Amino acid sequence: MKTKVTSLAIVFFFAAGWLTPVPVAEAAITAAHCTARSLVVYDPAQSRILFSKTPHARRPPASTTKVLTALVVVERMNLNRAVTVRKDTSHVPRTKLYLRPGETFRVKDLLKALLISSSNDVACVLAHQVSGSEAAFAKLMNQKARRIGARNTHFVNPHGLPAVAQYSTPYDLALMMNEVKKYPFIMQTLATRRTTIRSFQGRRFNLKNHNKMLWKDSRPIIGKTGFTRRALHCFVGRINYRNRDVMVAIMGSVRPWRDLKIILDFYQRVSFENAKSQIQKNKMSWSRRRMLVFEKTLKRSGFNPGKVDGVVTAETVHAVKAFQKRYQLPQTGYIGPLTTAKLKKFT
């Protein structure tokens, strides 16, 4: 039994200096309760995997593929450009909008259909518009994947339907999601529950987001879903907690919403425990008078530490982390020598 617990526990890796280590048994239970065959929670600010389960295993990505499709499209097409459907896409399996040859849409509306309702025919139309064929577009996708460091990924189509030699990993998907942060339109679209688009000819389409976490949980987690019989449920997204972004990806899940809730609960609890430890650490290191100087400096620099009274709170820790992030310091929440030196420049 002890060997089994230990082997389960080692699938989790906690970033030193940020996440408070948790008991081995708790890590093992968390891993065992997730039905996903592979998962990762990745902190891009420190380029570290916070915890994972076979994060580099190659698996079919299903419709999470559309995240990279959207990245290639926004880099190569104006969002307000008009696109006319020139190819019959009725052969593509659902989910789809059932586009008709001759219909015209704005690129931004097609991207909404791609990311919110996961329309496969839209992916085909966009791919042909950008590069003339799905095969040519897939080459652009693979080039983009390599540029962002996704080296265990290979695409052959823009929609994620099953295909030989199409695969990715939770880690690579997390890198793609981190790239998405550069494009506010994509981020905003992924966070949209419902919307409506129209063709130039007046046909109306009501879109509903496949990401059930937008309804199931009040905590902010946005992203892209995917499912095929071979891939099972997949998800790639962003968790924002206490003004900190981390990327999450799960692949091969049987109960994705339950898995994501388990991950959120675990991440939130560990984050909370870490905040408490940093509060205590700062209290032990600095007098109230000195903390008052730090808080005044933080507030003057545009970082809100809460009430400026020299008392260390969670808001103080969050302000310190935001300051550290801005000036590319280790984001610990603790005012150590490097942070002290940088703060002195603003006093």
Protein backbone atom coordinates (compact mmCIF):
# COMPACT_ATOMS: atom_id res chain seq x y z
CA MET A 1 0.00 0.00 0.00
CA LYS A 2 2.82 2.39 0.89
CA THR A 3 4.51 1.74 -2.48
CA LYS A 4 1.26 2.46 -4.31
CA VAL A 5 0.74 5.76 -2.50
CA THR A 6 4.30 6.83 -3.21
CA SER A 7 4.08 6.00 -6.91
CA LEU A 8 0.87 7.99 -7.26
CA ALA A 9 2.34 10.92 -5.38
CA ILE A 10 5.32 11.35 -7.65
CA VAL A 11 3.12 12.34 -10.57
CA PHE A 12 2.73 15.68 -8.83
CA PHE A 13 5.51 18.24 -8.84
CA PHE A 14 5.28 21.41 -6.80
CA ALA A 15 7.18 24.53 -7.71
CA ALA A 16 9.71 25.33 -5.01
CA GLY A 17 9.36 28.76 -3.50
CA TRP A 18 5.74 29.23 -4.50
CA LEU A 19 3.52 26.30 -3.64
CA THR A 20 3.55 25.02 -0.11
CA PRO A 21 4.38 21.29 -0.13
CA VAL A 22 1.39 19.16 0.85
CA PRO A 23 1.37 15.72 2.48
CA VAL A 24 2.29 12.88 0.15
CA ALA A 25 -1.01 11.12 0.88
CA GLU A 26 -3.03 14.19 -0.15
CA ALA A 27 -1.18 14.49 -3.44
CA ALA A 28 -1.78 10.80 -4.10
CA ILE A 29 -5.49 11.10 -3.37
CA THR A 30 -5.82 14.10 -5.66
CA ALA A 31 -4.11 12.26 -8.50
CA ALA A 32 -6.15 9.12 -8.00
CA HIS A 33 -9.44 11.02 -8.01
CA CYS A 34 -8.85 12.59 -11.44
CA THR A 35 -10.13 10.43 -14.28
CA ALA A 36 -7.91 12.19 -16.85
CA ARG A 37 -5.14 9.96 -18.17
CA SER A 38 -2.85 12.99 -18.46
CA LEU A 39 -3.00 16.46 -16.96
CA VAL A 40 -0.86 19.47 -16.17
CA VAL A 41 -1.12 22.72 -14.25
CA TYR A 42 1.55 25.06 -15.56
CA ASP A 43 2.79 28.40 -14.21
CA PRO A 44 4.08 30.43 -17.19
CA ALA A 45 5.43 33.22 -14.98
CA GLN A 46 8.03 30.82 -13.60
CA SER A 47 8.03 28.38 -16.54
CA ARG A 48 7.25 25.58 -14.11
CA ILE A 49 4.88 22.66 -13.90
CA LEU A 50 3.07 23.04 -10.60
CA PHE A 51 1.64 19.56 -10.70
CA SER A 52 0.99 16.97 -13.36
CA LYS A 53 0.20 13.43 -14.41
CA THR A 54 2.11 12.13 -17.46
CA PRO A 55 2.20 15.69 -18.88
CA HIS A 56 4.30 14.77 -21.94
CA ALA A 57 2.27 11.74 -23.05
CA ARG A 58 1.14 12.07 -26.67
CA ARG A 59 -2.62 11.80 -27.03
CA PRO A 60 -5.30 12.81 -29.57
CA PRO A 61 -6.27 16.42 -28.76
CA ALA A 62 -9.81 16.45 -30.22
CA SER A 63 -11.21 19.99 -30.50
CA THR A 64 -8.59 21.58 -28.25
CA THR A 65 -6.82 21.68 -31.63
CA LYS A 66 -8.98 24.71 -32.43
CA VAL A 67 -6.99 26.85 -29.99
CA LEU A 68 -3.99 26.66 -32.30
CA THR A 69 -6.24 27.08 -35.35
CA ALA A 70 -7.49 30.35 -33.87
CA LEU A 71 -3.93 31.51 -33.14
CA VAL A 72 -2.87 30.96 -36.75
CA VAL A 73 -5.97 32.72 -38.08
CA VAL A 74 -5.67 35.85 -35.90
CA GLU A 75 -2.03 36.21 -36.87
CA ARG A 76 -2.80 36.08 -40.60
CA MET A 77 -6.25 37.62 -41.07
CA ASN A 78 -7.95 40.89 -40.10
CA LEU A 79 -10.83 40.17 -37.72
CA ASN A 80 -13.19 42.40 -39.72
CA ARG A 81 -12.36 40.83 -43.06
CA ALA A 82 -15.29 39.32 -44.95
CA VAL A 83 -14.97 35.64 -45.83
CA THR A 84 -17.19 33.85 -48.34
CA VAL A 85 -17.75 30.11 -48.03
CA ARG A 86 -16.43 28.71 -51.30
CA LYS A 87 -16.29 25.03 -50.45
CA ASP A 88 -19.08 22.63 -49.55
CA THR A 89 -18.34 21.54 -45.97
CA SER A 90 -21.34 19.26 -45.48
CA HIS A 91 -19.02 16.23 -45.44
CA VAL A 92 -17.43 17.31 -42.16
CA PRO A 93 -18.97 15.56 -39.12
CA ARG A 94 -20.68 17.65 -36.50
CA THR A 95 -20.43 19.75 -34.43
CA LYS A 96 -20.89 22.34 -37.19
CA LEU A 97 -22.89 25.37 -38.31
CA TYR A 98 -23.98 23.74 -41.58
CA LEU A 99 -22.46 26.54 -43.63
CA ARG A 100 -23.66 27.04 -47.18
CA PRO A 101 -21.45 27.86 -50.16
CA GLY A 102 -21.84 31.55 -50.98
CA GLU A 103 -22.53 32.68 -47.40
CA THR A 104 -20.33 35.49 -46.13
CA PHE A 105 -19.14 36.16 -42.56
CA ARG A 106 -16.69 38.37 -40.70
CA VAL A 107 -13.58 36.50 -39.58
CA LYS A 108 -14.32 37.44 -35.96
CA ASP A 109 -17.76 35.81 -36.16
CA LEU A 110 -16.33 32.62 -37.63
CA LEU A 111 -13.78 32.54 -34.81
CA LYS A 112 -16.61 32.84 -32.28
CA ALA A 113 -18.31 29.84 -33.86
CA LEU A 114 -14.99 27.97 -33.89
CA LEU A 115 -14.21 28.54 -30.20
CA ILE A 116 -17.66 28.77 -28.59
CA SER A 117 -19.66 26.12 -30.44
CA SER A 118 -16.61 24.21 -31.73
CA SER A 119 -17.83 24.19 -35.34
CA ASN A 120 -15.79 21.83 -37.52
CA ASP A 121 -17.02 23.24 -40.82
CA VAL A 122 -15.91 26.71 -39.72
CA ALA A 123 -12.39 25.34 -39.10
CA CYS A 124 -12.32 24.04 -42.69
CA VAL A 125 -13.51 27.36 -44.15
CA LEU A 126 -10.92 29.34 -42.21
CA ALA A 127 -8.12 26.93 -43.14
CA HIS A 128 -8.95 27.18 -46.86
CA GLN A 129 -9.20 30.95 -46.63
CA VAL A 130 -5.76 31.28 -45.01
CA SER A 131 -3.74 28.76 -47.00
CA GLY A 132 -5.87 27.10 -49.68
CA SER A 133 -6.15 23.65 -48.08
CA GLU A 134 -6.30 21.88 -44.75
CA ALA A 135 -2.93 20.25 -45.36
CA ALA A 136 -1.24 23.58 -46.05
CA PHE A 137 -2.90 25.10 -42.99
CA ALA A 138 -1.72 22.20 -40.83
CA LYS A 139 1.86 23.05 -41.80
CA LEU A 140 1.31 26.56 -40.49
CA MET A 141 -0.11 25.11 -37.29
CA ASN A 142 2.93 22.91 -36.77
CA GLN A 143 5.27 25.83 -37.44
CA LYS A 144 3.42 27.90 -34.84
CA ALA A 145 3.52 25.03 -32.34
CA ARG A 146 7.30 24.76 -32.69
CA ARG A 147 7.77 28.51 -32.23
CA ILE A 148 6.05 28.44 -28.85
CA GLY A 149 7.95 25.36 -27.70
CA ALA A 150 5.28 22.69 -28.29
CA ARG A 151 7.65 20.00 -29.53
CA ASN A 152 5.50 16.92 -28.89
CA THR A 153 2.63 18.11 -31.06
CA HIS A 154 1.69 17.38 -34.65
CA PHE A 155 -1.47 18.41 -36.49
CA VAL A 156 -2.87 17.27 -39.82
CA ASN A 157 -6.21 19.12 -39.74
CA PRO A 158 -7.61 22.34 -38.21
CA HIS A 159 -10.58 20.88 -36.31
CA GLY A 160 -9.19 17.96 -34.28
CA LEU A 161 -11.29 15.16 -35.74
CA PRO A 162 -9.48 11.79 -35.54
CA ALA A 163 -6.54 11.46 -37.91
CA VAL A 164 -3.36 9.42 -38.10
CA ALA A 165 -0.32 11.29 -36.74
CA GLN A 166 -2.38 13.98 -35.02
CA TYR A 167 -1.38 14.32 -31.38
CA SER A 168 -0.41 16.69 -28.61
CA THR A 169 0.33 16.63 -24.87
CA PRO A 170 -1.11 18.44 -21.85
CA TYR A 171 2.12 20.39 -21.50
CA ASP A 172 2.09 21.52 -25.15
CA LEU A 173 -1.58 22.48 -24.91
CA ALA A 174 -0.75 24.58 -21.85
CA LEU A 175 1.94 26.40 -23.85
CA MET A 176 -0.62 27.11 -26.58
CA MET A 177 -3.06 28.49 -24.02
CA ASN A 178 -0.36 30.73 -22.63
CA GLU A 179 0.20 32.08 -26.16
CA VAL A 180 -3.52 32.86 -26.38
CA LYS A 181 -3.08 35.43 -23.58
CA LYS A 182 -1.48 37.72 -26.17
CA TYR A 183 -4.77 37.95 -28.05
CA PRO A 184 -7.58 39.61 -26.03
CA PHE A 185 -10.20 38.74 -28.65
CA ILE A 186 -9.58 35.01 -28.25
CA MET A 187 -9.54 35.27 -24.46
CA GLN A 188 -12.78 37.23 -24.46
CA THR A 189 -14.39 34.74 -26.84
CA LEU A 190 -13.41 31.75 -24.68
CA ALA A 191 -15.03 33.50 -21.70
CA THR A 192 -18.33 34.08 -23.54
CA ARG A 193 -21.23 31.89 -22.45
CA ARG A 194 -23.65 32.70 -25.26
CA THR A 195 -23.70 34.95 -28.27
CA THR A 196 -25.28 35.33 -31.69
CA ILE A 197 -23.64 35.78 -35.08
CA ARG A 198 -25.15 36.52 -38.49
CA SER A 199 -24.09 35.97 -42.05
CA PHE A 200 -24.10 38.89 -44.46
CA GLN A 201 -27.16 37.24 -46.00
CA GLY A 202 -29.00 37.56 -42.66
CA ARG A 203 -28.93 33.96 -41.41
CA ARG A 204 -28.69 33.92 -37.61
CA PHE A 205 -26.73 31.46 -35.46
CA ASN A 206 -27.10 31.15 -31.69
CA LEU A 207 -23.88 29.94 -30.07
CA LYS A 208 -23.54 28.31 -26.64
CA ASN A 209 -20.17 27.63 -25.07
CA HIS A 210 -19.26 23.96 -24.59
CA ASN A 211 -17.21 24.87 -21.50
CA LYS A 212 -19.63 23.94 -18.72
CA MET A 213 -17.27 25.34 -16.09
CA LEU A 214 -18.62 28.77 -17.05
CA TRP A 215 -21.89 27.67 -15.42
CA LYS A 216 -20.78 25.01 -12.95
CA ASP A 217 -18.22 27.02 -10.97
CA SER A 218 -17.97 30.64 -9.90
CA ARG A 219 -14.19 30.57 -10.06
CA PRO A 220 -12.81 31.97 -13.33
CA ILE A 221 -11.66 29.16 -15.62
CA ILE A 222 -11.96 29.70 -19.36
CA GLY A 223 -10.82 27.41 -22.14
CA LYS A 224 -11.59 25.06 -25.00
CA THR A 225 -13.19 21.65 -24.75
CA GLY A 226 -12.77 18.60 -26.96
CA PHE A 227 -14.19 15.12 -27.28
CA THR A 228 -13.95 12.12 -29.58
CA ARG A 229 -14.40 8.47 -28.73
CA ARG A 230 -10.69 7.90 -29.08
CA ALA A 231 -9.53 11.05 -27.30
CA LEU A 232 -12.26 11.03 -24.63
CA HIS A 233 -12.76 14.41 -22.98
CA CYS A 234 -10.02 17.03 -23.29
CA PHE A 235 -9.76 20.59 -22.02
CA VAL A 236 -7.20 23.37 -22.15
CA GLY A 237 -7.69 26.62 -20.33
CA ARG A 238 -6.61 29.29 -17.93
CA ILE A 239 -7.26 29.52 -14.22
CA ASN A 240 -7.12 33.01 -12.74
CA TYR A 241 -6.94 33.05 -8.97
CA ARG A 242 -5.85 36.02 -6.87
CA ASN A 243 -4.64 37.84 -9.99
CA ARG A 244 -2.38 34.96 -10.96
CA ASP A 245 -2.76 33.05 -14.21
CA VAL A 246 -1.93 29.36 -14.54
CA MET A 247 -2.66 27.09 -17.48
CA VAL A 248 -4.47 23.77 -17.11
CA ALA A 249 -4.83 20.94 -19.60
CA ILE A 250 -6.46 17.54 -19.23
CA MET A 251 -6.55 14.75 -21.82
CA GLY A 252 -8.28 11.38 -21.86
CA SER A 253 -10.80 12.28 -19.16
CA VAL A 254 -14.02 10.40 -18.41
CA ARG A 255 -15.47 13.08 -16.12
CA PRO A 256 -13.86 16.35 -17.18
CA TRP A 257 -15.91 18.79 -15.08
CA ARG A 258 -15.32 16.76 -11.96
CA ASP A 259 -11.60 16.57 -12.77
CA LEU A 260 -11.39 20.32 -13.26
CA LYS A 261 -13.21 20.96 -9.99
CA ILE A 262 -10.77 18.67 -8.16
CA ILE A 263 -7.86 20.56 -9.72
CA LEU A 264 -9.40 23.94 -8.87
CA ASP A 265 -10.09 22.94 -5.26
CA PHE A 266 -6.56 21.63 -4.82
CA TYR A 267 -4.94 24.65 -6.46
CA GLN A 268 -7.06 27.08 -4.46
CA ARG A 269 -6.33 25.39 -1.15
CA VAL A 270 -2.59 25.21 -1.75
CA SER A 271 -2.58 28.84 -2.91
CA PHE A 272 -4.42 29.88 0.24
CA GLU A 273 -2.03 27.95 2.47
CA ASN A 274 0.90 29.56 0.69
CA ALA A 275 -0.56 33.04 1.19
CA LYS A 276 -0.87 32.36 4.93
CA SER A 277 2.73 31.15 5.12
CA GLN A 278 4.00 34.25 3.29
CA ILE A 279 2.02 36.51 5.61
CA GLN A 280 3.68 34.86 8.60
CA LYS A 281 7.12 34.94 6.97
CA ASN A 282 6.87 38.68 6.27
CA LYS A 283 5.62 39.34 9.80
CA MET A 284 8.59 37.52 11.28
CA SER A 285 11.11 39.31 9.03
CA TRP A 286 9.94 42.91 9.20
CA SER A 287 8.74 45.29 11.89
CA ARG A 288 5.37 47.00 11.48
CA ARG A 289 7.14 50.31 10.86
CA ARG A 290 9.22 48.77 8.06
CA MET A 291 6.15 47.10 6.54
CA LEU A 292 4.41 50.45 6.55
CA VAL A 293 7.22 51.86 4.39
CA PHE A 294 6.93 48.91 2.01
CA GLU A 295 3.15 49.32 1.75
CA LYS A 296 3.44 53.03 1.01
CA THR A 297 6.01 52.29 -1.69
CA LEU A 298 3.82 49.59 -3.22
CA LYS A 299 0.79 51.85 -3.31
CA ARG A 300 2.79 54.74 -4.77
CA SER A 301 4.05 52.35 -7.47
CA GLY A 302 0.51 51.32 -8.46
CA PHE A 303 0.15 48.10 -6.45
CA ASN A 304 -2.69 48.01 -3.93
CA PRO A 305 -1.59 46.44 -0.60
CA GLY A 306 -4.97 47.09 1.03
CA LYS A 307 -5.04 49.24 4.16
CA VAL A 308 -1.69 51.00 4.57
CA ASP A 309 -1.05 50.38 8.26
CA GLY A 310 2.01 48.14 8.43
CA VAL A 311 -0.08 45.00 9.05
CA VAL A 312 0.66 42.17 6.62
CA THR A 313 -2.48 40.73 5.03
CA ALA A 314 -3.31 38.59 2.00
CA GLU A 315 -3.74 41.83 0.02
CA THR A 316 -0.20 42.82 0.97
CA VAL A 317 1.12 39.49 -0.30
CA HIS A 318 -0.83 39.84 -3.55
CA ALA A 319 0.56 43.34 -4.07
CA VAL A 320 4.10 42.09 -3.48
CA LYS A 321 3.58 39.28 -6.01
CA ALA A 322 2.23 41.74 -8.58
CA PHE A 323 5.25 43.98 -7.99
CA GLN A 324 7.60 41.02 -8.34
CA LYS A 325 5.91 39.96 -11.56
CA ARG A 326 6.19 43.46 -13.04
CA TYR A 327 9.92 43.62 -12.33
CA GLN A 328 10.68 39.99 -13.21
CA LEU A 329 11.52 38.86 -9.69
CA PRO A 330 10.62 35.47 -8.20
CA GLN A 331 6.89 35.70 -7.40
CA THR A 332 6.94 34.45 -3.83
CA GLY A 333 4.97 37.17 -2.01
CA TYR A 334 7.85 37.42 0.44
CA ILE A 335 9.87 40.63 0.64
CA GLY A 336 13.36 39.20 0.39
CA PRO A 337 16.67 40.88 -0.53
CA LEU A 338 15.93 41.25 -4.27
CA THR A 339 12.47 42.68 -3.69
CA THR A 340 13.75 44.99 -0.94
CA ALA A 341 16.44 46.36 -3.25
CA LYS A 342 13.91 47.02 -6.01
CA LEU A 343 11.43 48.67 -3.61
CA LYS A 344 14.16 51.00 -2.31
CA LYS A 345 14.47 52.47 -5.81
CA PHE A 346 10.92 53.76 -5.48
CA THR A 347 11.14 55.20 -1.96
